[in-house]
N, C-alpha and C. Protein backbone atom coordinates (compact mmCIF):
# COMPACT_ATOMS: atom_id res chain seq x y z
N PHE A 1 -22.68 85.71 -168.24
CA PHE A 1 -22.02 84.42 -168.10
C PHE A 1 -21.22 84.17 -169.37
N PHE A 2 -19.93 83.83 -169.20
CA PHE A 2 -19.04 83.67 -170.34
C PHE A 2 -18.32 82.33 -170.25
N ILE A 3 -18.33 81.57 -171.32
CA ILE A 3 -17.61 80.31 -171.39
C ILE A 3 -16.61 80.43 -172.53
N GLN A 4 -15.37 80.07 -172.23
CA GLN A 4 -14.35 80.09 -173.27
C GLN A 4 -13.90 78.67 -173.53
N PHE A 5 -14.01 78.25 -174.78
CA PHE A 5 -13.53 76.94 -175.17
C PHE A 5 -12.12 77.10 -175.70
N LEU A 6 -11.19 76.35 -175.15
CA LEU A 6 -9.81 76.47 -175.57
C LEU A 6 -9.50 75.49 -176.68
N THR A 7 -9.02 76.02 -177.78
CA THR A 7 -8.56 75.18 -178.88
C THR A 7 -7.18 74.64 -178.49
N PRO A 8 -6.68 73.62 -179.18
CA PRO A 8 -5.33 73.14 -178.86
C PRO A 8 -4.29 74.26 -178.89
N ALA A 9 -4.39 75.17 -179.87
CA ALA A 9 -3.42 76.27 -179.96
C ALA A 9 -3.56 77.20 -178.76
N THR A 10 -4.80 77.52 -178.36
CA THR A 10 -5.01 78.40 -177.22
C THR A 10 -4.51 77.74 -175.94
N ARG A 11 -4.79 76.44 -175.79
CA ARG A 11 -4.30 75.72 -174.61
C ARG A 11 -2.78 75.77 -174.55
N SER A 12 -2.14 75.61 -175.70
CA SER A 12 -0.68 75.66 -175.75
C SER A 12 -0.18 77.03 -175.33
N GLU A 13 -0.84 78.08 -175.81
CA GLU A 13 -0.46 79.44 -175.44
C GLU A 13 -0.64 79.66 -173.94
N ALA A 14 -1.75 79.17 -173.39
CA ALA A 14 -2.02 79.35 -171.96
C ALA A 14 -1.04 78.55 -171.12
N SER A 15 -0.63 77.39 -171.58
CA SER A 15 0.23 76.53 -170.77
C SER A 15 1.70 76.91 -170.84
N LYS A 16 2.12 77.69 -171.82
CA LYS A 16 3.54 78.00 -171.95
C LYS A 16 4.08 78.79 -170.77
N VAL A 17 3.20 79.49 -170.04
CA VAL A 17 3.66 80.22 -168.86
C VAL A 17 4.07 79.27 -167.73
N ASN A 18 3.80 77.99 -167.90
CA ASN A 18 4.16 77.01 -166.88
C ASN A 18 5.58 76.49 -167.02
N ILE A 19 6.31 76.91 -168.02
CA ILE A 19 7.70 76.49 -168.19
C ILE A 19 8.60 77.51 -167.49
N VAL A 20 9.45 77.01 -166.59
CA VAL A 20 10.37 77.91 -165.87
C VAL A 20 11.79 77.36 -165.94
N ILE A 21 12.74 78.28 -165.84
CA ILE A 21 14.14 77.91 -165.65
C ILE A 21 14.23 77.47 -164.20
N ASN A 22 14.64 76.21 -163.97
CA ASN A 22 14.52 75.61 -162.64
C ASN A 22 15.87 75.30 -161.98
N GLU A 23 16.91 75.14 -162.77
CA GLU A 23 18.23 74.80 -162.21
C GLU A 23 19.31 75.22 -163.19
N ILE A 24 20.43 75.70 -162.65
CA ILE A 24 21.54 76.18 -163.49
C ILE A 24 22.85 75.66 -162.91
N MET A 25 23.62 74.97 -163.72
CA MET A 25 25.00 74.61 -163.35
C MET A 25 25.89 75.50 -164.19
N TYR A 26 26.41 76.55 -163.55
CA TYR A 26 27.19 77.53 -164.32
C TYR A 26 28.68 77.53 -163.99
N HIS A 27 29.10 76.95 -162.88
CA HIS A 27 30.52 76.98 -162.53
C HIS A 27 30.87 75.66 -161.86
N SER A 28 31.21 74.70 -162.68
CA SER A 28 31.55 73.36 -162.21
C SER A 28 32.82 73.40 -161.37
N PRO A 29 32.92 72.55 -160.35
CA PRO A 29 34.13 72.51 -159.53
C PRO A 29 35.36 72.06 -160.32
N THR A 30 35.15 71.37 -161.41
CA THR A 30 36.26 70.89 -162.23
C THR A 30 36.70 71.94 -163.25
N GLU A 31 35.96 73.06 -163.29
CA GLU A 31 36.20 74.11 -164.29
C GLU A 31 35.97 73.57 -165.70
N PHE A 32 35.29 72.44 -165.80
CA PHE A 32 35.03 71.80 -167.08
C PHE A 32 33.69 72.32 -167.61
N GLU A 33 33.73 73.20 -168.58
CA GLU A 33 32.52 73.85 -169.07
C GLU A 33 31.53 72.89 -169.72
N GLY A 34 31.99 71.70 -170.10
CA GLY A 34 31.10 70.72 -170.71
C GLY A 34 30.02 70.22 -169.76
N GLU A 35 30.20 70.39 -168.46
CA GLU A 35 29.22 69.96 -167.47
C GLU A 35 28.14 71.00 -167.21
N GLU A 36 28.21 72.15 -167.84
CA GLU A 36 27.21 73.19 -167.64
C GLU A 36 25.85 72.75 -168.19
N TYR A 37 24.79 73.17 -167.51
CA TYR A 37 23.44 72.88 -167.99
C TYR A 37 22.43 73.86 -167.42
N ILE A 38 21.30 73.91 -168.10
CA ILE A 38 20.12 74.65 -167.63
C ILE A 38 18.96 73.66 -167.67
N GLU A 39 18.23 73.59 -166.58
CA GLU A 39 17.08 72.69 -166.52
C GLU A 39 15.79 73.50 -166.57
N LEU A 40 14.86 73.04 -167.40
CA LEU A 40 13.53 73.62 -167.47
C LEU A 40 12.55 72.69 -166.76
N TYR A 41 11.48 73.28 -166.24
CA TYR A 41 10.47 72.50 -165.54
C TYR A 41 9.09 72.94 -166.01
N ASN A 42 8.20 71.97 -166.26
CA ASN A 42 6.81 72.26 -166.60
C ASN A 42 6.00 72.10 -165.31
N ARG A 43 5.64 73.21 -164.71
CA ARG A 43 4.89 73.20 -163.45
C ARG A 43 3.39 73.08 -163.69
N GLY A 44 2.98 72.94 -164.93
CA GLY A 44 1.56 72.90 -165.28
C GLY A 44 0.99 71.51 -165.32
N LYS A 45 -0.26 71.43 -165.80
CA LYS A 45 -1.01 70.17 -165.85
C LYS A 45 -1.18 69.66 -167.27
N THR A 46 -0.60 70.36 -168.25
CA THR A 46 -0.69 69.92 -169.64
C THR A 46 0.70 69.94 -170.28
N PRO A 47 0.92 69.08 -171.27
CA PRO A 47 2.20 69.10 -171.98
C PRO A 47 2.39 70.44 -172.70
N VAL A 48 3.65 70.86 -172.84
CA VAL A 48 3.95 72.09 -173.55
C VAL A 48 4.95 71.77 -174.66
N ASP A 49 4.58 72.15 -175.88
CA ASP A 49 5.45 71.98 -177.05
C ASP A 49 6.39 73.17 -177.10
N VAL A 50 7.68 72.92 -176.89
CA VAL A 50 8.67 74.00 -176.91
C VAL A 50 9.47 74.02 -178.22
N SER A 51 8.97 73.35 -179.24
CA SER A 51 9.63 73.34 -180.55
C SER A 51 9.83 74.77 -181.04
N GLY A 52 11.03 75.08 -181.47
CA GLY A 52 11.33 76.41 -181.99
C GLY A 52 11.59 77.46 -180.92
N TRP A 53 11.38 77.13 -179.65
CA TRP A 53 11.74 78.06 -178.58
C TRP A 53 13.25 78.18 -178.54
N LYS A 54 13.75 79.24 -177.93
CA LYS A 54 15.20 79.41 -177.87
C LYS A 54 15.61 80.21 -176.65
N PHE A 55 16.85 80.04 -176.30
CA PHE A 55 17.46 80.91 -175.30
C PHE A 55 17.96 82.12 -176.06
N THR A 56 17.47 83.30 -175.69
CA THR A 56 17.81 84.52 -176.42
C THR A 56 18.84 85.37 -175.69
N LYS A 57 19.15 85.00 -174.44
CA LYS A 57 20.23 85.66 -173.69
C LYS A 57 20.94 84.60 -172.88
N GLY A 58 22.25 84.77 -172.73
CA GLY A 58 23.05 83.86 -171.92
C GLY A 58 23.72 82.79 -172.75
N ILE A 59 22.94 81.98 -173.42
CA ILE A 59 23.47 80.92 -174.29
C ILE A 59 22.71 80.97 -175.62
N VAL A 60 23.17 80.18 -176.57
CA VAL A 60 22.48 80.08 -177.85
C VAL A 60 22.02 78.64 -178.01
N TYR A 61 20.70 78.46 -178.09
CA TYR A 61 20.14 77.13 -178.31
C TYR A 61 18.70 77.28 -178.79
N THR A 62 18.35 76.52 -179.83
CA THR A 62 16.98 76.47 -180.33
C THR A 62 16.49 75.03 -180.19
N PHE A 63 15.30 74.88 -179.61
CA PHE A 63 14.74 73.55 -179.39
C PHE A 63 14.27 72.95 -180.70
N PRO A 64 14.61 71.67 -180.94
CA PRO A 64 14.21 71.01 -182.19
C PRO A 64 12.71 70.73 -182.24
N LEU A 65 12.23 70.42 -183.43
CA LEU A 65 10.82 70.06 -183.62
C LEU A 65 10.46 68.88 -182.73
N SER A 66 9.20 68.84 -182.33
CA SER A 66 8.64 67.76 -181.52
C SER A 66 9.24 67.67 -180.12
N THR A 67 9.70 68.81 -179.59
CA THR A 67 10.20 68.81 -178.22
C THR A 67 9.05 69.19 -177.29
N ILE A 68 8.64 68.23 -176.49
CA ILE A 68 7.50 68.40 -175.59
C ILE A 68 8.00 68.21 -174.15
N ILE A 69 7.57 69.09 -173.26
CA ILE A 69 7.84 68.90 -171.83
C ILE A 69 6.51 68.52 -171.20
N GLU A 70 6.45 67.32 -170.68
CA GLU A 70 5.23 66.80 -170.06
C GLU A 70 4.96 67.52 -168.74
N PRO A 71 3.71 67.45 -168.24
CA PRO A 71 3.39 68.08 -166.95
C PRO A 71 4.28 67.51 -165.83
N ASN A 72 4.67 68.39 -164.92
CA ASN A 72 5.48 68.01 -163.76
C ASN A 72 6.75 67.26 -164.20
N SER A 73 7.33 67.70 -165.31
CA SER A 73 8.52 67.04 -165.86
C SER A 73 9.61 68.06 -166.14
N TYR A 74 10.80 67.53 -166.35
CA TYR A 74 12.01 68.34 -166.51
C TYR A 74 12.65 68.05 -167.87
N LEU A 75 13.37 69.04 -168.37
CA LEU A 75 14.18 68.88 -169.58
C LEU A 75 15.45 69.68 -169.37
N VAL A 76 16.59 69.03 -169.55
CA VAL A 76 17.88 69.66 -169.35
C VAL A 76 18.48 70.02 -170.71
N VAL A 77 19.04 71.21 -170.81
CA VAL A 77 19.78 71.64 -172.00
C VAL A 77 21.23 71.77 -171.57
N CYS A 78 22.10 70.99 -172.23
CA CYS A 78 23.50 70.87 -171.81
C CYS A 78 24.43 71.61 -172.77
N ARG A 79 25.54 72.04 -172.22
CA ARG A 79 26.57 72.62 -173.09
C ARG A 79 27.15 71.53 -173.98
N VAL A 80 27.51 70.37 -173.37
CA VAL A 80 28.02 69.24 -174.14
C VAL A 80 27.27 68.00 -173.62
N LEU A 81 26.35 67.50 -174.42
CA LEU A 81 25.50 66.39 -174.00
C LEU A 81 26.31 65.18 -173.55
N ASP A 82 27.34 64.80 -174.29
CA ASP A 82 28.14 63.63 -173.90
C ASP A 82 28.80 63.82 -172.54
N ASP A 83 29.31 65.01 -172.26
CA ASP A 83 29.95 65.29 -170.97
C ASP A 83 28.92 65.26 -169.84
N PHE A 84 27.75 65.84 -170.08
CA PHE A 84 26.68 65.83 -169.09
C PHE A 84 26.29 64.39 -168.76
N GLN A 85 26.09 63.57 -169.78
CA GLN A 85 25.69 62.18 -169.56
C GLN A 85 26.79 61.37 -168.88
N ALA A 86 28.04 61.67 -169.14
CA ALA A 86 29.14 60.98 -168.46
C ALA A 86 29.12 61.30 -166.96
N THR A 87 28.70 62.50 -166.61
CA THR A 87 28.66 62.91 -165.20
C THR A 87 27.38 62.50 -164.51
N PHE A 88 26.23 62.70 -165.17
CA PHE A 88 24.93 62.53 -164.51
C PHE A 88 24.13 61.31 -165.00
N GLY A 89 24.60 60.63 -166.03
CA GLY A 89 23.91 59.45 -166.53
C GLY A 89 23.07 59.72 -167.76
N HIS A 90 22.54 58.64 -168.34
CA HIS A 90 21.81 58.71 -169.60
C HIS A 90 20.30 58.70 -169.42
N LYS A 91 19.80 58.57 -168.21
CA LYS A 91 18.35 58.45 -167.99
C LYS A 91 17.65 59.80 -167.86
N ILE A 92 18.39 60.87 -167.75
CA ILE A 92 17.81 62.20 -167.58
C ILE A 92 17.44 62.75 -168.96
N PRO A 93 16.19 63.23 -169.13
CA PRO A 93 15.82 63.85 -170.41
C PRO A 93 16.71 65.08 -170.67
N ALA A 94 17.55 64.99 -171.68
CA ALA A 94 18.51 66.06 -171.92
C ALA A 94 18.72 66.26 -173.42
N LEU A 95 18.98 67.50 -173.76
CA LEU A 95 19.30 67.91 -175.13
C LEU A 95 20.62 68.66 -175.09
N GLY A 96 21.25 68.78 -176.21
CA GLY A 96 22.49 69.55 -176.31
C GLY A 96 22.78 69.71 -177.79
N ASN A 97 23.68 70.45 -178.10
CA ASN A 97 24.71 71.13 -177.33
C ASN A 97 24.48 72.63 -177.51
N PHE A 98 24.43 73.36 -176.40
CA PHE A 98 24.24 74.80 -176.56
C PHE A 98 25.56 75.47 -176.88
N LEU A 99 25.47 76.63 -177.50
CA LEU A 99 26.65 77.43 -177.84
C LEU A 99 26.86 78.48 -176.77
N GLY A 100 28.10 78.84 -176.58
CA GLY A 100 28.45 79.81 -175.54
C GLY A 100 28.73 79.09 -174.24
N VAL A 101 29.05 79.87 -173.22
CA VAL A 101 29.28 79.33 -171.88
C VAL A 101 28.49 80.18 -170.89
N LEU A 102 28.15 79.57 -169.78
CA LEU A 102 27.49 80.32 -168.71
C LEU A 102 28.58 81.02 -167.90
N ARG A 103 28.49 82.32 -167.83
CA ARG A 103 29.54 83.09 -167.17
C ARG A 103 29.60 82.77 -165.68
N ASN A 104 30.82 82.54 -165.20
CA ASN A 104 31.01 82.23 -163.78
C ASN A 104 30.70 83.43 -162.88
N SER A 105 30.79 84.62 -163.40
CA SER A 105 30.49 85.81 -162.60
C SER A 105 29.01 86.17 -162.63
N GLY A 106 28.25 85.52 -163.50
CA GLY A 106 26.81 85.77 -163.60
C GLY A 106 26.42 86.41 -164.91
N GLU A 107 25.14 86.29 -165.21
CA GLU A 107 24.58 86.89 -166.42
C GLU A 107 23.07 86.65 -166.44
N ARG A 108 22.42 87.20 -167.43
CA ARG A 108 20.99 86.96 -167.62
C ARG A 108 20.81 85.80 -168.60
N ILE A 109 19.91 84.88 -168.23
CA ILE A 109 19.51 83.79 -169.10
C ILE A 109 18.03 84.01 -169.42
N THR A 110 17.70 84.07 -170.70
CA THR A 110 16.32 84.31 -171.10
C THR A 110 15.85 83.22 -172.05
N LEU A 111 14.70 82.65 -171.74
CA LEU A 111 14.03 81.66 -172.58
C LEU A 111 12.87 82.35 -173.27
N SER A 112 12.81 82.23 -174.59
CA SER A 112 11.75 82.86 -175.38
C SER A 112 11.04 81.81 -176.22
N ASP A 113 9.76 82.06 -176.48
CA ASP A 113 9.00 81.13 -177.32
C ASP A 113 9.32 81.39 -178.79
N HIS A 114 8.66 80.66 -179.68
CA HIS A 114 8.94 80.76 -181.12
C HIS A 114 8.60 82.13 -181.71
N THR A 115 7.82 82.96 -181.00
CA THR A 115 7.50 84.30 -181.48
C THR A 115 8.45 85.36 -180.93
N GLY A 116 9.32 84.95 -180.00
CA GLY A 116 10.24 85.89 -179.38
C GLY A 116 9.77 86.41 -178.03
N GLU A 117 8.57 85.99 -177.60
CA GLU A 117 8.05 86.42 -176.30
C GLU A 117 8.85 85.75 -175.18
N THR A 118 9.25 86.53 -174.18
CA THR A 118 9.98 85.99 -173.04
C THR A 118 9.07 85.10 -172.21
N ILE A 119 9.53 83.88 -171.97
CA ILE A 119 8.80 82.92 -171.14
C ILE A 119 9.31 82.99 -169.71
N ASP A 120 10.62 82.99 -169.52
CA ASP A 120 11.23 83.12 -168.20
C ASP A 120 12.62 83.71 -168.38
N SER A 121 13.07 84.41 -167.36
CA SER A 121 14.37 85.04 -167.40
C SER A 121 14.94 85.07 -165.98
N VAL A 122 16.23 84.75 -165.87
CA VAL A 122 16.91 84.75 -164.58
C VAL A 122 18.22 85.50 -164.74
N LYS A 123 18.47 86.44 -163.83
CA LYS A 123 19.76 87.14 -163.84
C LYS A 123 20.48 86.77 -162.54
N TYR A 124 21.40 85.79 -162.66
CA TYR A 124 22.15 85.33 -161.49
C TYR A 124 23.50 86.03 -161.42
N THR A 125 24.09 86.06 -160.23
CA THR A 125 25.46 86.54 -160.05
C THR A 125 26.16 85.62 -159.05
N ASP A 126 27.44 85.83 -158.89
CA ASP A 126 28.21 85.04 -157.92
C ASP A 126 28.42 85.81 -156.61
N ARG A 127 27.57 86.79 -156.38
CA ARG A 127 27.65 87.61 -155.16
C ARG A 127 26.30 87.67 -154.48
N SER A 128 26.30 87.98 -153.21
CA SER A 128 25.07 88.15 -152.45
C SER A 128 24.21 89.22 -153.12
N PRO A 129 22.92 89.03 -153.20
CA PRO A 129 22.09 88.10 -152.44
C PRO A 129 21.98 86.71 -153.05
N TRP A 130 22.68 86.45 -154.15
CA TRP A 130 22.66 85.12 -154.75
C TRP A 130 23.54 84.18 -153.94
N PRO A 131 23.19 82.89 -153.89
CA PRO A 131 24.00 81.92 -153.14
C PRO A 131 25.41 81.82 -153.73
N VAL A 132 26.43 81.86 -152.88
CA VAL A 132 27.80 81.78 -153.38
C VAL A 132 28.31 80.34 -153.44
N GLY A 133 27.61 79.39 -152.83
CA GLY A 133 28.01 77.98 -152.87
C GLY A 133 27.94 77.38 -154.26
N THR A 134 27.31 78.08 -155.17
CA THR A 134 27.20 77.59 -156.54
C THR A 134 28.38 78.02 -157.41
N ASP A 135 29.22 78.88 -156.89
CA ASP A 135 30.30 79.46 -157.67
C ASP A 135 31.58 78.64 -157.56
N GLY A 136 31.59 77.47 -158.21
CA GLY A 136 32.79 76.64 -158.26
C GLY A 136 32.96 75.69 -157.09
N TYR A 137 31.97 75.64 -156.21
CA TYR A 137 32.07 74.76 -155.04
C TYR A 137 31.28 73.46 -155.21
N SER A 138 30.90 73.14 -156.41
CA SER A 138 30.26 71.88 -156.77
C SER A 138 28.75 71.94 -156.90
N ALA A 139 28.10 72.92 -156.37
CA ALA A 139 26.64 72.93 -156.35
C ALA A 139 26.04 73.66 -157.55
N SER A 140 24.91 73.14 -158.00
CA SER A 140 24.13 73.86 -159.01
C SER A 140 23.28 74.89 -158.27
N LEU A 141 22.71 75.80 -159.03
CA LEU A 141 21.80 76.81 -158.51
C LEU A 141 20.39 76.29 -158.72
N GLU A 142 19.63 76.09 -157.64
CA GLU A 142 18.29 75.50 -157.72
C GLU A 142 17.21 76.50 -157.34
N ARG A 143 16.14 76.50 -158.13
CA ARG A 143 14.98 77.32 -157.82
C ARG A 143 14.25 76.64 -156.66
N ILE A 144 13.97 77.37 -155.60
CA ILE A 144 13.35 76.79 -154.41
C ILE A 144 11.89 76.46 -154.67
N CYS A 145 11.15 77.41 -155.21
CA CYS A 145 9.74 77.20 -155.50
C CYS A 145 9.47 77.55 -156.96
N PRO A 146 9.05 76.57 -157.76
CA PRO A 146 8.86 76.83 -159.19
C PRO A 146 7.69 77.75 -159.51
N THR A 147 6.83 78.03 -158.53
CA THR A 147 5.70 78.93 -158.79
C THR A 147 6.00 80.36 -158.33
N ALA A 148 7.14 80.57 -157.70
CA ALA A 148 7.52 81.91 -157.25
C ALA A 148 8.44 82.57 -158.28
N SER A 149 8.73 83.84 -158.05
CA SER A 149 9.53 84.63 -159.00
C SER A 149 10.94 84.08 -159.16
N SER A 150 11.64 84.62 -160.13
CA SER A 150 13.02 84.19 -160.39
C SER A 150 14.04 85.09 -159.69
N GLU A 151 13.62 85.81 -158.68
CA GLU A 151 14.53 86.67 -157.94
C GLU A 151 15.47 85.86 -157.06
N ALA A 152 16.56 86.46 -156.61
CA ALA A 152 17.62 85.79 -155.86
C ALA A 152 17.12 85.04 -154.63
N LEU A 153 16.14 85.58 -153.92
CA LEU A 153 15.66 84.95 -152.69
C LEU A 153 14.98 83.60 -152.95
N ASN A 154 14.65 83.31 -154.20
CA ASN A 154 13.99 82.05 -154.53
C ASN A 154 14.97 81.02 -155.11
N TRP A 155 16.26 81.20 -154.85
CA TRP A 155 17.28 80.27 -155.35
C TRP A 155 18.21 79.87 -154.22
N ALA A 156 18.68 78.63 -154.28
CA ALA A 156 19.60 78.11 -153.26
C ALA A 156 20.58 77.15 -153.93
N PRO A 157 21.74 76.90 -153.27
CA PRO A 157 22.68 75.92 -153.84
C PRO A 157 22.20 74.51 -153.56
N ALA A 158 22.45 73.62 -154.50
CA ALA A 158 22.21 72.19 -154.25
C ALA A 158 23.16 71.75 -153.14
N PRO A 159 22.80 70.71 -152.40
CA PRO A 159 23.73 70.21 -151.38
C PRO A 159 25.07 69.83 -152.01
N LEU A 160 26.14 70.09 -151.28
CA LEU A 160 27.47 69.78 -151.78
C LEU A 160 27.71 68.28 -151.77
N PRO A 161 28.46 67.78 -152.75
CA PRO A 161 28.78 66.35 -152.76
C PRO A 161 29.80 66.03 -151.66
N THR A 162 29.85 64.79 -151.26
CA THR A 162 30.77 64.40 -150.19
C THR A 162 32.23 64.47 -150.63
N ASP A 163 32.51 64.28 -151.91
CA ASP A 163 33.91 64.33 -152.36
C ASP A 163 34.38 65.75 -152.67
N GLY A 164 33.45 66.72 -152.79
CA GLY A 164 33.82 68.10 -153.02
C GLY A 164 34.36 68.39 -154.41
N ARG A 165 34.51 67.38 -155.24
CA ARG A 165 35.07 67.59 -156.58
C ARG A 165 34.06 67.37 -157.69
N SER A 166 33.04 66.58 -157.42
CA SER A 166 32.04 66.27 -158.44
C SER A 166 30.98 67.36 -158.45
N PRO A 167 30.44 67.66 -159.62
CA PRO A 167 29.34 68.62 -159.63
C PRO A 167 28.11 67.97 -158.98
N SER A 168 27.39 68.74 -158.21
CA SER A 168 26.17 68.22 -157.61
C SER A 168 24.98 68.97 -158.20
N GLY A 169 23.84 68.44 -157.98
CA GLY A 169 22.63 69.05 -158.48
C GLY A 169 21.58 67.97 -158.63
N THR A 170 20.44 68.38 -159.13
CA THR A 170 19.32 67.46 -159.26
C THR A 170 18.74 67.51 -160.67
N PRO A 171 19.57 67.46 -161.70
CA PRO A 171 19.01 67.55 -163.05
C PRO A 171 18.03 66.40 -163.31
N GLY A 172 16.87 66.75 -163.86
CA GLY A 172 15.88 65.74 -164.22
C GLY A 172 14.98 65.29 -163.09
N ARG A 173 15.09 65.93 -161.93
CA ARG A 173 14.22 65.56 -160.81
C ARG A 173 13.99 66.78 -159.91
N GLN A 174 13.10 66.62 -158.94
CA GLN A 174 12.76 67.73 -158.05
C GLN A 174 14.02 68.23 -157.35
N ASN A 175 14.14 69.54 -157.24
CA ASN A 175 15.31 70.13 -156.60
C ASN A 175 15.40 69.75 -155.13
N ALA A 176 16.61 69.55 -154.65
CA ALA A 176 16.83 69.22 -153.24
C ALA A 176 16.37 70.35 -152.33
N THR A 177 16.38 71.57 -152.85
CA THR A 177 16.00 72.74 -152.05
C THR A 177 14.52 73.10 -152.21
N TYR A 178 13.75 72.26 -152.91
CA TYR A 178 12.34 72.55 -153.19
C TYR A 178 11.57 72.81 -151.89
N SER A 179 10.73 73.80 -151.94
CA SER A 179 9.87 74.11 -150.80
C SER A 179 8.55 74.63 -151.34
């Protein structure tokens, strides 16, 4: 019979696997790169301190000290925070500004913890089997099930906006395609 008591550090290590890349706006219909974003989701039951974590592929961004993602909560990392907030509002938990741009043709995005260990990685493209509705047609790329793999079959486009010109997506809330 074995009992393991988790210290705060051990709990943090165990819970970090609950952070996933959950939504990507990589090709805005306006071609305005300032609207690009990546959303993270904490699918776990405990808060996760992502201070010092960074995107090591795709974009350049390091999370500042005291950055915590609460359980069942979202955090958006924007290319240009002011542009994101002008489009989606100020109530969404968001940080910025990341360096680089998300390639419209696709690329790998990798999130790593403060030690360099990969936490989650997504390699999207603008061709099948990836959804093509996300490639400049207004929709973000949404993870269907946050507990499933990051392969193409687990991603779908957000519903298109009625005006066809505004970027659509669900930053800061459950994905429209969630299942």
